[in-house]
Amino acid sequence: MTTRTAARKRAAKTKVAKAEQTGVAIPTPTARLRRLRRTRRLRDLVAETRVTAQQLIMPHFVLPEKRANEPISSMPGIAQQGLETVVKTIGKDLELGIRAVLLFGHPEHGGKTPDGRAAAAANGAVQRTCERLKKEFGDELVVITDVCLCAYTDHGHCGVLDAHGRVLNDESLRPLVDMALSHARAGADVVAPSDMMDGRVLAIRAALDRSGFEDTGLLSYAVKFASAYYGPFREAADSRPAQGDRRSYQMDSRNGREAVREALVDVEEGADWLMVKPALPYLDVIRAVREASLLPLSAYNVSGEYSAVKAAAANGWLDEPTIVRENLCAIARAGADQIITYHARDALKGAWL
């Protein structure tokens, strides 16, 4: 023990002794952490975690129509939109500072098939939206496309099925590759496979490179848990499984170490960027993946997380701006570099961050 430390301890004991003798003197704090919390500007200046517009990615649900705006009942403020409508919406969001979007598509009416072939159609909703967005906004906007068959199959699963209704892993890779290639041809900056088939990152990366799309990025839904938090999304994407569930290919919520293994496999297979989904129930997983990999890491603040906040706020149970700021900061503090969130527009328009 140093002389200075010993002196401090003696002084502290003396203060306590005086307080006990007189009943008046109270020991004063030796550390005053509140000093830097005194004003908003001080708090902002020393904040350890910051969430900015540059970190936010806004999801969109695109219909195979020219103009449409169909509100999603379980996701207030979010709608399925046609090509012209979504391009206009994204243009307004650009003015707020949202520089990245994640696109989910719908097939034409009657276009759902067992193999989900409409997912790779050159004139599909996502493909036409990509072309239009890149023509309209160029490199000012990062266009990311979801690569999964669930919205295009008549059974609602993320891959093709055998005669017994089981999802076939290797047989599902070809249609996923075809879908990713169609998005790349349409101008997508980044393709994002969310199906959770083993080997799909390797297959898509190899196909992109062989086809001249070596500059197209690959954002892997590396850690995607089978979650009840996806409920509202199923309405938005019309992707609820007709039978069974997705637990045989999406991750078990009880497994954290396996999540790191999933991420590291995708790194080895050629992913440029990783994602953890959902976000708030898996902050520990976000941290674990952040510490295990040097790649950029996104977290998806999913539909159920969004809808729960909206419902509570509508009932006056929570203050929406405050809770959104707290949630997004928690996701960033856990280690996410980017946050995919339906709150992006409201948060920036209302200056909640």
Protein backbone atom coordinates (compact mmCIF):
# COMPACT_ATOMS: atom_id res chain seq x y z
CA MET A 1 0.00 0.00 0.00
CA THR A 2 1.38 3.40 -0.96
CA THR A 3 1.84 6.20 1.52
CA ARG A 4 -0.79 8.28 -0.33
CA THR A 5 -3.36 5.44 -0.24
CA ALA A 6 -2.75 4.88 3.46
CA ALA A 7 -3.19 8.60 4.15
CA ARG A 8 -6.50 8.63 2.30
CA LYS A 9 -7.79 5.69 4.29
CA ARG A 10 -6.81 7.36 7.59
CA ALA A 11 -8.54 10.56 6.53
CA ALA A 12 -11.70 8.63 5.62
CA LYS A 13 -11.71 6.86 9.00
CA THR A 14 -11.27 10.21 10.76
CA LYS A 15 -14.31 11.65 8.95
CA VAL A 16 -16.43 8.66 9.91
CA ALA A 17 -15.27 8.85 13.52
CA LYS A 18 -16.20 12.54 13.74
CA ALA A 19 -19.60 11.79 12.26
CA GLU A 20 -20.20 9.10 14.86
CA GLN A 21 -19.11 11.37 17.72
CA THR A 22 -21.08 14.47 16.80
CA GLY A 23 -23.94 13.02 14.77
CA VAL A 24 -23.49 15.94 12.37
CA ALA A 25 -20.47 15.45 10.10
CA ILE A 26 -21.15 13.23 7.05
CA PRO A 27 -18.35 11.80 4.89
CA THR A 28 -18.27 13.51 1.49
CA PRO A 29 -17.86 11.56 -1.78
CA THR A 30 -14.31 11.05 -3.00
CA ALA A 31 -15.55 10.54 -6.59
CA ARG A 32 -18.24 12.78 -8.08
CA LEU A 33 -19.37 11.00 -11.24
CA ARG A 34 -22.41 13.24 -11.50
CA ARG A 35 -20.26 16.20 -12.56
CA LEU A 36 -20.34 15.11 -16.19
CA ARG A 37 -24.07 14.35 -16.10
CA ARG A 38 -25.07 17.84 -15.03
CA THR A 39 -26.29 19.17 -18.39
CA ARG A 40 -27.46 17.64 -21.64
CA ARG A 41 -24.50 19.07 -23.54
CA LEU A 42 -22.04 17.61 -21.06
CA ARG A 43 -23.76 14.23 -21.27
CA ASP A 44 -23.64 14.34 -25.07
CA LEU A 45 -19.99 15.35 -25.06
CA VAL A 46 -18.82 12.40 -22.97
CA ALA A 47 -21.28 9.79 -24.28
CA GLU A 48 -19.55 6.46 -24.91
CA THR A 49 -22.12 5.16 -27.40
CA ARG A 50 -23.59 7.08 -30.30
CA VAL A 51 -26.23 6.12 -32.87
CA THR A 52 -26.29 8.24 -36.02
CA ALA A 53 -28.21 8.24 -39.30
CA GLN A 54 -25.16 6.70 -41.03
CA GLN A 55 -25.58 3.54 -38.94
CA LEU A 56 -29.27 2.96 -39.71
CA ILE A 57 -30.70 0.68 -42.38
CA MET A 58 -34.42 0.97 -43.22
CA PRO A 59 -36.30 -2.15 -44.37
CA HIS A 60 -38.96 -1.94 -47.13
CA PHE A 61 -41.59 -4.38 -48.42
CA VAL A 62 -42.01 -4.07 -52.19
CA LEU A 63 -45.14 -5.14 -54.07
CA PRO A 64 -45.16 -6.09 -57.78
CA GLU A 65 -47.26 -3.05 -58.62
CA LYS A 66 -46.46 0.41 -59.90
CA ARG A 67 -48.25 2.33 -57.17
CA ALA A 68 -49.50 0.85 -53.93
CA ASN A 69 -49.42 1.68 -50.26
CA GLU A 70 -50.87 -1.06 -48.08
CA PRO A 71 -50.44 -0.36 -44.34
CA ILE A 72 -49.32 -3.33 -42.27
CA SER A 73 -51.78 -3.59 -39.40
CA SER A 74 -49.32 -5.11 -36.93
CA MET A 75 -46.58 -2.59 -37.75
CA PRO A 76 -47.96 0.96 -37.43
CA GLY A 77 -46.19 3.37 -39.77
CA ILE A 78 -44.89 0.62 -42.08
CA ALA A 79 -46.52 -0.37 -45.39
CA GLN A 80 -46.15 -2.68 -48.35
CA GLN A 81 -45.45 -0.37 -51.29
CA GLY A 82 -45.39 -0.47 -55.07
CA LEU A 83 -42.38 0.52 -57.15
CA GLU A 84 -43.14 4.21 -57.65
CA THR A 85 -44.35 4.61 -54.08
CA VAL A 86 -41.33 3.01 -52.43
CA VAL A 87 -38.88 5.00 -54.58
CA LYS A 88 -40.61 8.21 -53.48
CA THR A 89 -40.55 7.10 -49.83
CA ILE A 90 -36.86 6.24 -50.00
CA GLY A 91 -36.12 9.61 -51.61
CA LYS A 92 -37.73 11.38 -48.64
CA ASP A 93 -35.81 9.15 -46.23
CA LEU A 94 -32.57 10.13 -47.95
CA GLU A 95 -33.29 13.71 -47.00
CA LEU A 96 -33.45 12.57 -43.36
CA GLY A 97 -30.03 10.93 -43.70
CA ILE A 98 -31.02 7.28 -44.20
CA ARG A 99 -28.44 6.08 -46.71
CA ALA A 100 -29.14 2.33 -46.76
CA VAL A 101 -32.21 0.18 -47.37
CA LEU A 102 -33.01 -3.52 -47.10
CA LEU A 103 -35.56 -4.74 -49.67
CA PHE A 104 -38.03 -7.61 -49.27
CA GLY A 105 -40.20 -8.59 -52.21
CA HIS A 106 -43.56 -10.11 -53.06
CA PRO A 107 -44.25 -12.20 -56.17
CA GLU A 108 -47.01 -11.51 -58.65
CA HIS A 109 -50.45 -12.77 -57.64
CA GLY A 110 -50.42 -16.54 -58.04
CA GLY A 111 -46.64 -16.54 -58.34
CA LYS A 112 -45.90 -18.71 -55.31
CA THR A 113 -44.62 -22.16 -56.31
CA PRO A 114 -43.03 -25.12 -54.50
CA ASP A 115 -39.55 -24.10 -55.68
CA GLY A 116 -40.01 -20.31 -55.33
CA ARG A 117 -38.77 -19.72 -58.89
CA ALA A 118 -40.34 -16.22 -59.02
CA ALA A 119 -37.67 -15.07 -56.56
CA ALA A 120 -35.14 -14.95 -59.40
CA ALA A 121 -37.39 -13.33 -62.03
CA ALA A 122 -35.64 -10.44 -63.77
CA ASN A 123 -38.86 -8.42 -63.68
CA GLY A 124 -39.60 -9.17 -60.03
CA ALA A 125 -40.53 -6.43 -57.58
CA VAL A 126 -37.12 -6.35 -55.88
CA GLN A 127 -35.21 -6.51 -59.15
CA ARG A 128 -37.17 -3.63 -60.72
CA THR A 129 -36.88 -1.59 -57.53
CA CYS A 130 -33.10 -2.11 -57.46
CA GLU A 131 -32.77 -0.90 -61.03
CA ARG A 132 -34.89 2.16 -60.37
CA LEU A 133 -33.18 3.08 -57.10
CA LYS A 134 -29.69 2.87 -58.58
CA LYS A 135 -30.80 4.91 -61.58
CA GLU A 136 -32.45 7.51 -59.36
CA PHE A 137 -29.92 7.78 -56.53
CA GLY A 138 -26.74 6.08 -57.69
CA ASP A 139 -24.10 5.59 -55.03
CA GLU A 140 -25.85 7.98 -52.63
CA LEU A 141 -27.96 5.01 -51.54
CA VAL A 142 -26.76 1.55 -50.48
CA VAL A 143 -29.26 -1.02 -51.74
CA ILE A 144 -29.26 -4.33 -49.83
CA THR A 145 -31.58 -7.16 -50.88
CA ASP A 146 -32.88 -10.03 -48.79
CA VAL A 147 -32.18 -13.42 -50.38
CA CYS A 148 -34.65 -16.03 -49.19
CA LEU A 149 -37.39 -18.15 -50.78
CA CYS A 150 -40.02 -17.93 -48.03
CA ALA A 151 -42.14 -15.18 -49.65
CA TYR A 152 -42.05 -16.99 -53.01
CA THR A 153 -42.82 -20.59 -52.03
CA ASP A 154 -46.38 -21.84 -51.67
CA HIS A 155 -45.39 -23.62 -48.45
CA GLY A 156 -43.70 -20.58 -46.88
CA HIS A 157 -40.40 -22.25 -46.00
CA CYS A 158 -36.98 -20.80 -46.83
CA GLY A 159 -35.91 -23.70 -49.04
CA VAL A 160 -37.37 -26.46 -51.18
CA LEU A 161 -39.11 -29.45 -49.58
CA ASP A 162 -39.03 -33.19 -50.11
CA ALA A 163 -42.15 -35.36 -50.33
CA HIS A 164 -42.34 -35.49 -46.53
CA GLY A 165 -42.22 -31.73 -46.04
CA ARG A 166 -38.60 -31.58 -44.89
CA VAL A 167 -36.44 -28.66 -46.01
CA LEU A 168 -33.66 -29.91 -48.27
CA ASN A 169 -30.43 -28.05 -47.66
CA ASP A 170 -28.26 -28.72 -50.73
CA GLU A 171 -31.19 -28.68 -53.18
CA SER A 172 -32.12 -25.21 -51.88
CA LEU A 173 -28.77 -23.66 -52.75
CA ARG A 174 -29.36 -23.38 -56.51
CA PRO A 175 -32.56 -21.28 -56.28
CA LEU A 176 -30.91 -19.08 -53.65
CA VAL A 177 -27.90 -18.54 -55.92
CA ASP A 178 -30.21 -17.71 -58.81
CA MET A 179 -32.06 -15.18 -56.67
CA ALA A 180 -28.84 -13.52 -55.51
CA LEU A 181 -27.53 -13.31 -59.08
CA SER A 182 -30.76 -11.71 -60.29
CA HIS A 183 -30.40 -9.03 -57.59
CA ALA A 184 -26.79 -8.41 -58.53
CA ARG A 185 -27.74 -8.02 -62.21
CA ALA A 186 -30.38 -5.49 -61.16
CA GLY A 187 -27.73 -3.39 -59.42
CA ALA A 188 -27.93 -4.40 -55.76
CA ASP A 189 -24.89 -3.20 -53.83
CA VAL A 190 -25.17 -6.02 -51.30
CA VAL A 191 -27.08 -9.32 -51.24
CA ALA A 192 -28.13 -10.68 -47.86
CA PRO A 193 -29.00 -14.39 -47.61
CA SER A 194 -31.34 -14.98 -44.68
CA ASP A 195 -32.41 -18.59 -45.35
CA MET A 196 -29.97 -20.27 -42.93
CA MET A 197 -29.08 -23.12 -45.29
CA ASP A 198 -25.61 -24.52 -44.62
CA GLY A 199 -23.13 -23.51 -47.32
CA ARG A 200 -25.22 -20.80 -48.91
CA VAL A 201 -22.60 -18.08 -48.33
CA LEU A 202 -19.94 -20.16 -50.10
CA ALA A 203 -22.30 -20.97 -53.00
CA ILE A 204 -23.50 -17.38 -53.49
CA ARG A 205 -20.02 -15.84 -53.19
CA ALA A 206 -18.60 -18.28 -55.72
CA ALA A 207 -21.47 -17.65 -58.16
CA LEU A 208 -21.17 -13.89 -57.85
CA ASP A 209 -17.44 -13.99 -58.51
CA ARG A 210 -17.75 -16.35 -61.47
CA SER A 211 -20.48 -14.16 -63.00
CA GLY A 212 -18.51 -10.92 -62.85
CA PHE A 213 -20.08 -9.56 -59.67
CA GLU A 214 -16.97 -9.74 -57.52
CA ASP A 215 -17.72 -6.20 -56.26
CA THR A 216 -21.20 -7.11 -55.00
CA GLY A 217 -21.11 -7.36 -51.22
CA LEU A 218 -22.47 -10.26 -49.21
CA LEU A 219 -24.13 -9.55 -45.87
CA SER A 220 -24.87 -12.84 -44.17
CA TYR A 221 -27.70 -13.32 -41.72
CA ALA A 222 -25.04 -15.36 -39.98
CA VAL A 223 -26.88 -15.68 -36.67
CA LYS A 224 -30.63 -15.91 -37.19
CA PHE A 225 -32.60 -17.37 -34.33
CA ALA A 226 -35.97 -19.11 -34.60
CA SER A 227 -37.92 -16.39 -32.83
CA ALA A 228 -41.45 -15.38 -31.90
CA TYR A 229 -40.32 -11.79 -32.46
CA TYR A 230 -40.82 -12.29 -36.21
CA GLY A 231 -44.60 -12.44 -35.91
CA PRO A 232 -45.51 -9.08 -37.52
CA PHE A 233 -42.96 -9.64 -40.31
CA ARG A 234 -44.88 -12.73 -41.43
CA GLU A 235 -47.83 -10.47 -42.24
CA ALA A 236 -45.60 -7.90 -43.95
CA ALA A 237 -43.81 -10.46 -46.14
CA ASP A 238 -46.68 -12.96 -46.44
CA SER A 239 -44.21 -15.66 -45.49
CA ARG A 240 -45.82 -17.70 -42.72
CA PRO A 241 -45.10 -21.44 -43.15
CA ALA A 242 -48.18 -23.38 -44.23
CA GLN A 243 -47.09 -26.26 -42.01
CA GLY A 244 -44.52 -26.71 -39.28
CA ASP A 245 -41.96 -24.11 -38.28
CA ARG A 246 -38.38 -23.10 -39.07
CA ARG A 247 -36.63 -24.59 -36.06
CA SER A 248 -34.85 -27.23 -38.14
CA TYR A 249 -32.77 -24.53 -39.88
CA GLN A 250 -32.97 -21.31 -37.87
CA MET A 251 -30.98 -21.27 -34.63
CA ASP A 252 -32.07 -22.47 -31.20
CA SER A 253 -32.46 -19.46 -28.89
CA ARG A 254 -30.69 -21.34 -26.11
CA ASN A 255 -27.37 -21.48 -27.97
CA GLY A 256 -24.76 -18.75 -27.74
CA ARG A 257 -21.54 -20.59 -28.60
CA GLU A 258 -23.16 -22.04 -31.70
CA ALA A 259 -23.94 -18.49 -32.82
CA VAL A 260 -20.24 -17.64 -32.83
CA ARG A 261 -19.53 -20.84 -34.76
CA GLU A 262 -22.17 -19.91 -37.37
CA ALA A 263 -20.59 -16.48 -37.80
CA LEU A 264 -17.05 -17.82 -38.14
CA VAL A 265 -18.14 -20.39 -40.74
CA ASP A 266 -19.64 -17.58 -42.82
CA VAL A 267 -16.44 -15.56 -42.48
CA GLU A 268 -14.50 -18.53 -43.87
CA GLU A 269 -17.04 -18.95 -46.71
CA GLY A 270 -16.54 -15.39 -47.91
CA ALA A 271 -19.06 -13.14 -46.14
CA ASP A 272 -18.14 -9.47 -46.17
CA TRP A 273 -20.46 -8.50 -43.36
CA LEU A 274 -22.35 -10.31 -40.58
CA MET A 275 -25.72 -9.94 -38.92
CA VAL A 276 -27.38 -11.06 -35.69
CA LYS A 277 -31.18 -11.30 -35.68
CA PRO A 278 -33.19 -10.49 -33.53
CA ALA A 279 -31.32 -7.81 -31.60
CA LEU A 280 -32.67 -6.97 -28.15
CA PRO A 281 -33.08 -10.53 -26.75
CA TYR A 282 -29.59 -11.39 -28.04
CA LEU A 283 -27.37 -8.51 -26.94
CA ASP A 284 -24.96 -11.03 -25.42
CA VAL A 285 -24.69 -12.79 -28.78
CA ILE A 286 -24.01 -9.49 -30.55
CA ARG A 287 -21.15 -8.90 -28.12
CA ALA A 288 -19.79 -12.42 -28.55
CA VAL A 289 -19.81 -12.21 -32.35
CA ARG A 290 -18.27 -8.72 -32.22
CA GLU A 291 -15.38 -10.07 -30.17
CA ALA A 292 -14.90 -13.11 -32.41
CA SER A 293 -14.81 -11.37 -35.80
CA LEU A 294 -13.27 -8.29 -37.39
CA LEU A 295 -16.00 -7.99 -40.05
CA PRO A 296 -18.65 -5.26 -39.91
CA LEU A 297 -21.55 -6.43 -37.75
CA SER A 298 -25.21 -5.49 -38.07
CA ALA A 299 -28.11 -6.29 -35.77
CA TYR A 300 -31.72 -6.49 -36.90
CA ASN A 301 -34.14 -4.72 -34.56
CA VAL A 302 -36.96 -6.92 -35.83
CA SER A 303 -40.69 -6.45 -36.38
CA GLY A 304 -41.81 -7.80 -33.01
CA GLU A 305 -39.43 -5.50 -31.15
CA TYR A 306 -40.76 -2.57 -33.19
CA SER A 307 -44.44 -3.49 -32.79
CA ALA A 308 -44.13 -4.02 -29.04
CA VAL A 309 -42.79 -0.48 -28.60
CA LYS A 310 -45.49 0.95 -30.88
CA ALA A 311 -48.28 -0.85 -29.00
CA ALA A 312 -47.02 0.18 -25.59
CA ALA A 313 -46.57 3.78 -26.72
CA ALA A 314 -50.08 3.88 -28.22
CA ASN A 315 -51.45 2.81 -24.84
CA GLY A 316 -49.42 5.42 -22.98
CA TRP A 317 -47.35 2.79 -21.19
CA LEU A 318 -43.99 3.89 -22.61
CA ASP A 319 -42.50 7.12 -23.91
CA GLU A 320 -41.68 6.12 -27.50
CA PRO A 321 -38.79 8.51 -28.27
CA THR A 322 -37.02 7.66 -25.03
CA ILE A 323 -37.47 3.91 -25.33
CA VAL A 324 -36.36 3.87 -28.99
CA ARG A 325 -33.23 5.82 -28.16
CA GLU A 326 -32.49 3.48 -25.24
CA ASN A 327 -33.05 0.35 -27.35
CA LEU A 328 -30.91 1.51 -30.26
CA CYS A 329 -28.11 2.61 -27.94
CA ALA A 330 -28.22 -0.78 -26.21
CA ILE A 331 -27.82 -2.55 -29.57
CA ALA A 332 -24.91 -0.32 -30.54
CA ARG A 333 -23.31 -0.63 -27.10
CA ALA A 334 -23.44 -4.42 -27.42
CA GLY A 335 -21.23 -4.14 -30.50
CA ALA A 336 -23.41 -3.60 -33.57
CA ASP A 337 -21.86 -1.30 -36.17
CA GLN A 338 -25.15 -0.89 -38.03
CA ILE A 339 -28.76 -1.32 -36.96
CA ILE A 340 -31.54 -2.48 -39.27
CA THR A 341 -34.65 -0.94 -37.76
CA TYR A 342 -38.18 0.10 -38.67
CA HIS A 343 -37.73 2.97 -36.19
CA ALA A 344 -35.15 4.69 -38.42
CA ARG A 345 -37.50 7.18 -40.07
CA ASP A 346 -39.34 8.17 -36.88
CA ALA A 347 -36.12 8.42 -34.89
CA LEU A 348 -34.51 10.83 -37.36
CA LYS A 349 -37.64 12.81 -38.15
CA GLY A 350 -38.30 13.33 -34.45
CA ALA A 351 -34.62 13.90 -33.55
CA TRP A 352 -34.91 11.12 -30.97
CA LEU A 353 -31.23 10.21 -31.18
